[in-house]
Amino acid sequence: HRSYLRRVLREKEEENRKVAESVL
């Protein structure tokens, strides 16, 4: 479950990075 949550966290962080780039 921890590895699953880490994978989801990485995906969300990547998604947030892309959103931040588009905002900039």
PDB file of all heavy atoms in Angstrom:
ATOM      1  N   HIS A   1       0.835  -1.202   0.000  1.00  0.00           N
ATOM      2  CA  HIS A   1       0.000   0.000   0.000  1.00  0.00           C
ATOM      3  C   HIS A   1       0.875   1.260   0.000  1.00  0.00           C
ATOM      4  O   HIS A   1       0.557   2.239  -0.682  1.00  0.00           O
ATOM      5  CB  HIS A   1      -0.934  -0.018   1.216  1.00  0.00           C
ATOM      6  CG  HIS A   1      -2.003   1.018   1.164  1.00  0.00           C
ATOM      7  ND1 HIS A   1      -2.967   1.045   0.190  1.00  0.00           N
ATOM      8  CD2 HIS A   1      -2.243   2.089   1.971  1.00  0.00           C
ATOM      9  CE1 HIS A   1      -3.762   2.078   0.390  1.00  0.00           C
ATOM     10  NE2 HIS A   1      -3.345   2.731   1.467  1.00  0.00           N
ATOM     11  N   ARG A   2       1.991   1.238   0.757  1.00  0.00           N
ATOM     12  CA  ARG A   2       2.899   2.379   0.796  1.00  0.00           C
ATOM     13  C   ARG A   2       3.497   2.630  -0.583  1.00  0.00           C
ATOM     14  O   ARG A   2       3.575   3.781  -1.033  1.00  0.00           O
ATOM     15  CB  ARG A   2       4.006   2.141   1.826  1.00  0.00           C
ATOM     16  CG  ARG A   2       4.943   3.334   1.930  1.00  0.00           C
ATOM     17  CD  ARG A   2       5.967   3.167   3.004  1.00  0.00           C
ATOM     18  NE  ARG A   2       6.906   2.097   2.662  1.00  0.00           N
ATOM     19  CZ  ARG A   2       7.924   1.748   3.415  1.00  0.00           C
ATOM     20  NH1 ARG A   2       8.135   2.336   4.570  1.00  0.00           N
ATOM     21  NH2 ARG A   2       8.734   0.782   3.035  1.00  0.00           N
ATOM     22  N   SER A   3       3.902   1.560  -1.276  1.00  0.00           N
ATOM     23  CA  SER A   3       4.472   1.761  -2.615  1.00  0.00           C
ATOM     24  C   SER A   3       3.414   2.309  -3.571  1.00  0.00           C
ATOM     25  O   SER A   3       3.718   3.163  -4.417  1.00  0.00           O
ATOM     26  CB  SER A   3       5.081   0.470  -3.141  1.00  0.00           C
ATOM     27  OG  SER A   3       4.084  -0.470  -3.419  1.00  0.00           O
ATOM     28  N   TYR A   4       2.166   1.847  -3.412  1.00  0.00           N
ATOM     29  CA  TYR A   4       1.074   2.379  -4.235  1.00  0.00           C
ATOM     30  C   TYR A   4       0.888   3.871  -3.949  1.00  0.00           C
ATOM     31  O   TYR A   4       0.780   4.687  -4.878  1.00  0.00           O
ATOM     32  CB  TYR A   4      -0.224   1.614  -3.952  1.00  0.00           C
ATOM     33  CG  TYR A   4      -1.453   2.302  -4.460  1.00  0.00           C
ATOM     34  CD1 TYR A   4      -1.764   2.301  -5.816  1.00  0.00           C
ATOM     35  CD2 TYR A   4      -2.301   2.992  -3.596  1.00  0.00           C
ATOM     36  CE1 TYR A   4      -2.889   2.952  -6.294  1.00  0.00           C
ATOM     37  CE2 TYR A   4      -3.423   3.642  -4.058  1.00  0.00           C
ATOM     38  CZ  TYR A   4      -3.716   3.629  -5.404  1.00  0.00           C
ATOM     39  OH  TYR A   4      -4.812   4.283  -5.871  1.00  0.00           O
ATOM     40  N   LEU A   5       0.863   4.245  -2.666  1.00  0.00           N
ATOM     41  CA  LEU A   5       0.689   5.652  -2.308  1.00  0.00           C
ATOM     42  C   LEU A   5       1.850   6.515  -2.805  1.00  0.00           C
ATOM     43  O   LEU A   5       1.643   7.648  -3.256  1.00  0.00           O
ATOM     44  CB  LEU A   5       0.526   5.795  -0.791  1.00  0.00           C
ATOM     45  CG  LEU A   5      -0.781   5.245  -0.211  1.00  0.00           C
ATOM     46  CD1 LEU A   5      -0.771   5.346   1.306  1.00  0.00           C
ATOM     47  CD2 LEU A   5      -1.988   5.967  -0.793  1.00  0.00           C
ATOM     48  N   ARG A   6       3.068   5.991  -2.747  1.00  0.00           N
ATOM     49  CA  ARG A   6       4.219   6.740  -3.261  1.00  0.00           C
ATOM     50  C   ARG A   6       4.096   6.973  -4.764  1.00  0.00           C
ATOM     51  O   ARG A   6       4.427   8.043  -5.266  1.00  0.00           O
ATOM     52  CB  ARG A   6       5.515   5.998  -2.940  1.00  0.00           C
ATOM     53  CG  ARG A   6       5.921   6.146  -1.500  1.00  0.00           C
ATOM     54  CD  ARG A   6       7.223   5.442  -1.224  1.00  0.00           C
ATOM     55  NE  ARG A   6       7.652   5.702   0.149  1.00  0.00           N
ATOM     56  CZ  ARG A   6       8.602   5.037   0.758  1.00  0.00           C
ATOM     57  NH1 ARG A   6       9.251   4.076   0.128  1.00  0.00           N
ATOM     58  NH2 ARG A   6       8.928   5.325   2.002  1.00  0.00           N
ATOM     59  N   ARG A   7       3.633   5.931  -5.487  1.00  0.00           N
ATOM     60  CA  ARG A   7       3.450   6.070  -6.930  1.00  0.00           C
ATOM     61  C   ARG A   7       2.398   7.133  -7.232  1.00  0.00           C
ATOM     62  O   ARG A   7       2.597   8.003  -8.093  1.00  0.00           O
ATOM     63  CB  ARG A   7       3.071   4.729  -7.548  1.00  0.00           C
ATOM     64  CG  ARG A   7       3.070   4.763  -9.064  1.00  0.00           C
ATOM     65  CD  ARG A   7       2.743   3.427  -9.687  1.00  0.00           C
ATOM     66  NE  ARG A   7       1.330   3.110  -9.532  1.00  0.00           N
ATOM     67  CZ  ARG A   7       0.843   2.114  -8.808  1.00  0.00           C
ATOM     68  NH1 ARG A   7       1.653   1.303  -8.169  1.00  0.00           N
ATOM     69  NH2 ARG A   7      -0.452   1.905  -8.725  1.00  0.00           N
ATOM     70  N   VAL A   8       1.280   7.087  -6.491  1.00  0.00           N
ATOM     71  CA  VAL A   8       0.226   8.086  -6.692  1.00  0.00           C
ATOM     72  C   VAL A   8       0.750   9.475  -6.359  1.00  0.00           C
ATOM     73  O   VAL A   8       0.472  10.448  -7.082  1.00  0.00           O
ATOM     74  CB  VAL A   8      -1.014   7.733  -5.834  1.00  0.00           C
ATOM     75  CG1 VAL A   8      -2.010   8.870  -5.805  1.00  0.00           C
ATOM     76  CG2 VAL A   8      -1.674   6.470  -6.353  1.00  0.00           C
ATOM     77  N   LEU A   9       1.547   9.581  -5.281  1.00  0.00           N
ATOM     78  CA  LEU A   9       2.121  10.878  -4.902  1.00  0.00           C
ATOM     79  C   LEU A   9       3.028  11.412  -6.013  1.00  0.00           C
ATOM     80  O   LEU A   9       2.953  12.600  -6.363  1.00  0.00           O
ATOM     81  CB  LEU A   9       2.894  10.740  -3.593  1.00  0.00           C
ATOM     82  CG  LEU A   9       3.600  11.998  -3.088  1.00  0.00           C
ATOM     83  CD1 LEU A   9       2.589  13.070  -2.742  1.00  0.00           C
ATOM     84  CD2 LEU A   9       4.471  11.654  -1.898  1.00  0.00           C
ATOM     85  N   ARG A  10       3.886  10.541  -6.578  1.00  0.00           N
ATOM     86  CA  ARG A  10       4.758  10.980  -7.682  1.00  0.00           C
ATOM     87  C   ARG A  10       3.921  11.466  -8.865  1.00  0.00           C
ATOM     88  O   ARG A  10       4.242  12.489  -9.484  1.00  0.00           O
ATOM     89  CB  ARG A  10       5.666   9.826  -8.115  1.00  0.00           C
ATOM     90  CG  ARG A  10       6.899   9.658  -7.265  1.00  0.00           C
ATOM     91  CD  ARG A  10       7.923   8.736  -7.915  1.00  0.00           C
ATOM     92  NE  ARG A  10       7.385   7.435  -8.291  1.00  0.00           N
ATOM     93  CZ  ARG A  10       7.356   6.367  -7.490  1.00  0.00           C
ATOM     94  NH1 ARG A  10       7.835   6.440  -6.266  1.00  0.00           N
ATOM     95  NH2 ARG A  10       6.858   5.221  -7.912  1.00  0.00           N
ATOM     96  N   GLU A  11       2.845  10.728  -9.174  1.00  0.00           N
ATOM     97  CA  GLU A  11       1.992  11.135 -10.291  1.00  0.00           C
ATOM     98  C   GLU A  11       1.365  12.501 -10.022  1.00  0.00           C
ATOM     99  O   GLU A  11       1.313  13.362 -10.911  1.00  0.00           O
ATOM    100  CB  GLU A  11       0.910  10.079 -10.535  1.00  0.00           C
ATOM    101  CG  GLU A  11       1.439   8.778 -11.102  1.00  0.00           C
ATOM    102  CD  GLU A  11       0.388   7.671 -11.116  1.00  0.00           C
ATOM    103  OE1 GLU A  11      -0.769   7.911 -10.704  1.00  0.00           O
ATOM    104  OE2 GLU A  11       0.729   6.554 -11.543  1.00  0.00           O
ATOM    105  N   LYS A  12       0.891  12.709  -8.797  1.00  0.00           N
ATOM    106  CA  LYS A  12       0.260  13.991  -8.451  1.00  0.00           C
ATOM    107  C   LYS A  12       1.284  15.124  -8.458  1.00  0.00           C
ATOM    108  O   LYS A  12       0.986  16.241  -8.900  1.00  0.00           O
ATOM    109  CB  LYS A  12      -0.419  13.908  -7.075  1.00  0.00           C
ATOM    110  CG  LYS A  12      -1.610  12.986  -7.027  1.00  0.00           C
ATOM    111  CD  LYS A  12      -2.714  13.467  -7.928  1.00  0.00           C
ATOM    112  CE  LYS A  12      -3.882  12.511  -7.937  1.00  0.00           C
ATOM    113  NZ  LYS A  12      -4.896  12.863  -8.908  1.00  0.00           N
ATOM    114  N   GLU A  13       2.488  14.837  -7.957  1.00  0.00           N
ATOM    115  CA  GLU A  13       3.533  15.861  -7.980  1.00  0.00           C
ATOM    116  C   GLU A  13       3.882  16.243  -9.417  1.00  0.00           C
ATOM    117  O   GLU A  13       4.077  17.430  -9.726  1.00  0.00           O
ATOM    118  CB  GLU A  13       4.779  15.372  -7.237  1.00  0.00           C
ATOM    119  CG  GLU A  13       4.619  15.362  -5.734  1.00  0.00           C
ATOM    120  CD  GLU A  13       5.795  14.729  -5.007  1.00  0.00           C
ATOM    121  OE1 GLU A  13       6.593  13.983  -5.648  1.00  0.00           O
ATOM    122  OE2 GLU A  13       5.918  14.970  -3.799  1.00  0.00           O
ATOM    123  N   GLU A  14       3.954  15.256 -10.304  1.00  0.00           N
ATOM    124  CA  GLU A  14       4.238  15.532 -11.719  1.00  0.00           C
ATOM    125  C   GLU A  14       3.099  16.344 -12.327  1.00  0.00           C
ATOM    126  O   GLU A  14       3.340  17.313 -13.069  1.00  0.00           O
ATOM    127  CB  GLU A  14       4.429  14.207 -12.478  1.00  0.00           C
ATOM    128  CG  GLU A  14       4.680  14.364 -13.959  1.00  0.00           C
ATOM    129  CD  GLU A  14       5.983  15.080 -14.279  1.00  0.00           C
ATOM    130  OE1 GLU A  14       6.895  15.102 -13.426  1.00  0.00           O
ATOM    131  OE2 GLU A  14       6.079  15.640 -15.388  1.00  0.00           O
ATOM    132  N   GLU A  15       1.876  15.964 -12.002  1.00  0.00           N
ATOM    133  CA  GLU A  15       0.710  16.699 -12.505  1.00  0.00           C
ATOM    134  C   GLU A  15       0.741  18.144 -11.992  1.00  0.00           C
ATOM    135  O   GLU A  15       0.502  19.088 -12.758  1.00  0.00           O
ATOM    136  CB  GLU A  15      -0.554  15.979 -12.009  1.00  0.00           C
ATOM    137  CG  GLU A  15      -1.847  16.481 -12.572  1.00  0.00           C
ATOM    138  CD  GLU A  15      -3.023  15.676 -12.039  1.00  0.00           C
ATOM    139  OE1 GLU A  15      -2.949  14.425 -12.028  1.00  0.00           O
ATOM    140  OE2 GLU A  15      -4.007  16.304 -11.627  1.00  0.00           O
ATOM    141  N   ASN A  16       1.070  18.338 -10.717  1.00  0.00           N
ATOM    142  CA  ASN A  16       1.151  19.688 -10.143  1.00  0.00           C
ATOM    143  C   ASN A  16       2.267  20.499 -10.791  1.00  0.00           C
ATOM    144  O   ASN A  16       2.127  21.709 -11.014  1.00  0.00           O
ATOM    145  CB  ASN A  16       1.367  19.616  -8.623  1.00  0.00           C
ATOM    146  CG  ASN A  16       0.124  19.176  -7.888  1.00  0.00           C
ATOM    147  OD1 ASN A  16      -0.965  19.207  -8.429  1.00  0.00           O
ATOM    148  ND2 ASN A  16       0.295  18.760  -6.641  1.00  0.00           N
ATOM    149  N   ARG A  17       3.396  19.837 -11.081  1.00  0.00           N
ATOM    150  CA  ARG A  17       4.506  20.527 -11.751  1.00  0.00           C
ATOM    151  C   ARG A  17       4.068  21.045 -13.119  1.00  0.00           C
ATOM    152  O   ARG A  17       4.354  22.186 -13.485  1.00  0.00           O
ATOM    153  CB  ARG A  17       5.707  19.581 -11.883  1.00  0.00           C
ATOM    154  CG  ARG A  17       6.974  20.257 -12.394  1.00  0.00           C
ATOM    155  CD  ARG A  17       8.075  19.251 -12.683  1.00  0.00           C
ATOM    156  NE  ARG A  17       7.695  18.261 -13.691  1.00  0.00           N
ATOM    157  CZ  ARG A  17       7.603  18.500 -15.010  1.00  0.00           C
ATOM    158  NH1 ARG A  17       7.839  19.694 -15.487  1.00  0.00           N
ATOM    159  NH2 ARG A  17       7.273  17.535 -15.845  1.00  0.00           N
ATOM    160  N   LYS A  18       3.347  20.192 -13.850  1.00  0.00           N
ATOM    161  CA  LYS A  18       2.865  20.603 -15.175  1.00  0.00           C
ATOM    162  C   LYS A  18       1.872  21.757 -15.062  1.00  0.00           C
ATOM    163  O   LYS A  18       1.901  22.694 -15.865  1.00  0.00           O
ATOM    164  CB  LYS A  18       2.225  19.414 -15.894  1.00  0.00           C
ATOM    165  CG  LYS A  18       3.232  18.397 -16.363  1.00  0.00           C
ATOM    166  CD  LYS A  18       2.546  17.224 -17.050  1.00  0.00           C
ATOM    167  CE  LYS A  18       3.580  16.206 -17.491  1.00  0.00           C
ATOM    168  NZ  LYS A  18       2.949  15.030 -18.101  1.00  0.00           N
ATOM    169  N   VAL A  19       0.989  21.684 -14.066  1.00  0.00           N
ATOM    170  CA  VAL A  19       0.026  22.770 -13.866  1.00  0.00           C
ATOM    171  C   VAL A  19       0.755  24.061 -13.507  1.00  0.00           C
ATOM    172  O   VAL A  19       0.425  25.144 -14.016  1.00  0.00           O
ATOM    173  CB  VAL A  19      -1.011  22.382 -12.775  1.00  0.00           C
ATOM    174  CG1 VAL A  19      -1.833  23.583 -12.347  1.00  0.00           C
ATOM    175  CG2 VAL A  19      -1.917  21.279 -13.278  1.00  0.00           C
ATOM    176  N   ALA A  20       1.763  23.960 -12.628  1.00  0.00           N
ATOM    177  CA  ALA A  20       2.536  25.143 -12.234  1.00  0.00           C
ATOM    178  C   ALA A  20       3.239  25.744 -13.445  1.00  0.00           C
ATOM    179  O   ALA A  20       3.283  26.985 -13.611  1.00  0.00           O
ATOM    180  CB  ALA A  20       3.539  24.784 -11.142  1.00  0.00           C
ATOM    181  N   GLU A  21       3.784  24.900 -14.310  1.00  0.00           N
ATOM    182  CA  GLU A  21       4.438  25.394 -15.530  1.00  0.00           C
ATOM    183  C   GLU A  21       3.443  26.129 -16.419  1.00  0.00           C
ATOM    184  O   GLU A  21       3.744  27.199 -16.964  1.00  0.00           O
ATOM    185  CB  GLU A  21       5.069  24.228 -16.306  1.00  0.00           C
ATOM    186  CG  GLU A  21       6.373  23.741 -15.748  1.00  0.00           C
ATOM    187  CD  GLU A  21       6.938  22.568 -16.552  1.00  0.00           C
ATOM    188  OE1 GLU A  21       6.373  22.229 -17.633  1.00  0.00           O
ATOM    189  OE2 GLU A  21       7.938  21.993 -16.110  1.00  0.00           O
ATOM    190  N   SER A  22       2.248  25.534 -16.564  1.00  0.00           N
ATOM    191  CA  SER A  22       1.255  26.179 -17.430  1.00  0.00           C
ATOM    192  C   SER A  22       0.785  27.497 -16.821  1.00  0.00           C
ATOM    193  O   SER A  22       0.533  28.465 -17.554  1.00  0.00           O
ATOM    194  CB  SER A  22       0.081  25.246 -17.716  1.00  0.00           C
ATOM    195  OG  SER A  22      -0.761  25.136 -16.607  1.00  0.00           O
ATOM    196  N   VAL A  23       0.699  27.545 -15.472  1.00  0.00           N
ATOM    197  CA  VAL A  23       0.329  28.817 -14.825  1.00  0.00           C
ATOM    198  C   VAL A  23       1.400  29.861 -15.080  1.00  0.00           C
ATOM    199  O   VAL A  23       1.107  31.027 -15.420  1.00  0.00           O
ATOM    200  CB  VAL A  23       0.101  28.601 -13.303  1.00  0.00           C
ATOM    201  CG1 VAL A  23       0.061  29.925 -12.556  1.00  0.00           C
ATOM    202  CG2 VAL A  23      -1.170  27.819 -13.062  1.00  0.00           C
ATOM    203  N   LEU A  24       2.667  29.479 -14.936  1.00  0.00           N
ATOM    204  CA  LEU A  24       3.765  30.431 -15.191  1.00  0.00           C
ATOM    205  C   LEU A  24       3.776  30.877 -16.655  1.00  0.00           C
ATOM    206  O   LEU A  24       4.001  32.054 -16.954  1.00  0.00           O
ATOM    207  CB  LEU A  24       5.108  29.796 -14.819  1.00  0.00           C
ATOM    208  CG  LEU A  24       5.342  29.595 -13.315  1.00  0.00           C
ATOM    209  CD1 LEU A  24       6.670  28.879 -13.073  1.00  0.00           C
ATOM    210  CD2 LEU A  24       5.316  30.930 -12.599  1.00  0.00           C
TER     211      LEU A  24
END
